[in-house]
C-alpha cells in the first residue's frame, strides 16, 4: 500500500488563509494581515516543494485574506483620521 505524503506547508497556508479572512471579519485585521503574509510565504514554499491543489488553495486563500485585511485596516485608519479631523473642524466653527 502506498503511503500518502502530507504537505505541512500547504496545510499551514490553508489554515492561515482561513484565519486571516475570519480575523478581518471580526475586527482583528492587523493580526490577520500578519498571518496572511506568513500564509503566502508558506503557500509559495508548498507550491515549490509539492505543487498540489491544497498548496494552491492555501496560497489563494492567504492572498485573499491579506488583501481583505489590508483594505479593512486602511479603511479603519481612514475613519479614525476622519473622526479626528471632524472634531477639530467642528470646534472651530463655534
Protein backbone atom coordinates (compact mmCIF):
# COMPACT_ATOMS: atom_id res chain seq x y z
CA UNK A 1 0.00 0.00 0.00
CA UNK A 2 1.31 3.40 -0.93
CA UNK A 3 1.62 5.89 1.91
CA UNK A 4 0.27 9.37 1.20
CA UNK A 5 2.72 12.16 1.78
CA UNK A 6 1.16 15.16 3.52
CA UNK A 7 2.39 18.65 2.84
CA UNK A 8 2.55 20.54 6.13
CA UNK A 9 3.30 23.86 4.45
CA UNK A 10 0.17 23.59 2.30
CA UNK A 11 -1.99 22.79 5.32
CA UNK A 12 -0.48 25.66 7.30
CA UNK A 13 -1.02 28.10 4.42
CA UNK A 14 -4.62 26.96 4.08
CA UNK A 15 -5.31 27.37 7.79
CA UNK A 16 -3.59 30.76 7.96
CA UNK A 17 -5.55 32.00 4.94
CA UNK A 18 -8.84 30.99 6.53
CA UNK A 19 -7.86 32.53 9.87
CA UNK A 20 -6.82 35.78 8.15
CA UNK A 21 -10.22 36.03 6.48
CA UNK A 22 -12.01 35.35 9.77
CA UNK A 23 -9.87 37.91 11.62
CA UNK A 24 -10.69 40.54 9.01
CA UNK A 25 -14.39 39.97 9.65
CA UNK A 26 -14.17 40.20 13.45
CA UNK A 27 -12.05 43.34 13.59
CA UNK A 28 -8.55 41.98 14.06
CA UNK A 29 -7.34 42.99 10.62
CA UNK A 30 -3.82 43.87 11.79
CA UNK A 31 -3.33 40.34 13.10
CA UNK A 32 -4.95 38.83 10.01
CA UNK A 33 -2.59 40.86 7.84
CA UNK A 34 0.43 39.32 9.57
CA UNK A 35 -1.00 35.80 9.40
CA UNK A 36 -1.92 36.26 5.74
CA UNK A 37 1.62 37.27 4.83
CA UNK A 38 3.01 34.24 6.66
CA UNK A 39 0.43 32.11 4.82
CA UNK A 40 1.59 33.49 1.47
CA UNK A 41 5.19 32.59 2.26
CA UNK A 42 4.22 29.08 3.33
CA UNK A 43 1.98 28.68 0.28
CA UNK A 44 4.79 29.61 -2.08
CA UNK A 45 7.13 27.18 -0.31
CA UNK A 46 4.48 24.44 -0.55
CA UNK A 47 3.95 25.10 -4.28
CA UNK A 48 7.69 24.78 -4.91
CA UNK A 49 8.05 21.62 -2.82
CA UNK A 50 4.92 19.75 -3.90
CA UNK A 51 2.52 21.54 -6.27
CA UNK A 52 -0.85 20.15 -5.20
CA UNK A 53 -4.35 21.55 -5.10
CA UNK A 54 -4.09 22.14 -1.38
CA UNK A 55 -0.97 24.24 -1.85
CA UNK A 56 -2.75 26.33 -4.47
CA UNK A 57 -5.82 26.72 -2.26
CA UNK A 58 -3.67 27.79 0.68
CA UNK A 59 -1.84 30.33 -1.42
CA UNK A 60 -5.05 31.76 -2.90
CA UNK A 61 -6.81 31.98 0.48
CA UNK A 62 -3.78 33.63 2.05
CA UNK A 63 -3.65 36.22 -0.74
CA UNK A 64 -7.37 36.93 -0.42
CA UNK A 65 -7.08 37.16 3.38
CA UNK A 66 -4.11 39.52 3.17
CA UNK A 67 -5.80 41.83 0.67
CA UNK A 68 -9.05 41.84 2.64
CA UNK A 69 -7.25 42.58 5.91
CA UNK A 70 -5.19 45.35 4.31
CA UNK A 71 -8.29 47.02 2.85
CA UNK A 72 -10.18 46.86 6.13
CA UNK A 73 -7.15 48.10 8.07
CA UNK A 74 -6.73 51.08 5.72
CA UNK A 75 -10.46 51.83 5.92
CA UNK A 76 -10.33 51.81 9.73
CA UNK A 77 -7.34 54.15 9.77
CA UNK A 78 -9.12 56.48 7.33
CA UNK A 79 -12.25 56.52 9.50
CA UNK A 80 -10.24 57.31 12.61
CA UNK A 81 -8.49 60.11 10.75
CA UNK A 82 -11.80 61.49 9.51
CA UNK A 83 -13.25 61.46 13.02
CA UNK A 84 -10.20 63.30 14.34
CA UNK A 85 -10.40 65.87 11.57
CA UNK A 86 -14.15 66.34 12.02
CA UNK A 87 -13.64 67.03 15.71
CA UNK A 88 -11.17 69.84 15.05
CA UNK A 89 -13.23 71.40 12.26
CA UNK A 90 -16.44 71.33 14.28
CA UNK A 91 -14.86 73.01 17.32
CA UNK A 92 -13.51 75.91 15.26
CA UNK A 93 -16.96 76.79 13.91
CA UNK A 94 -18.40 77.66 17.31
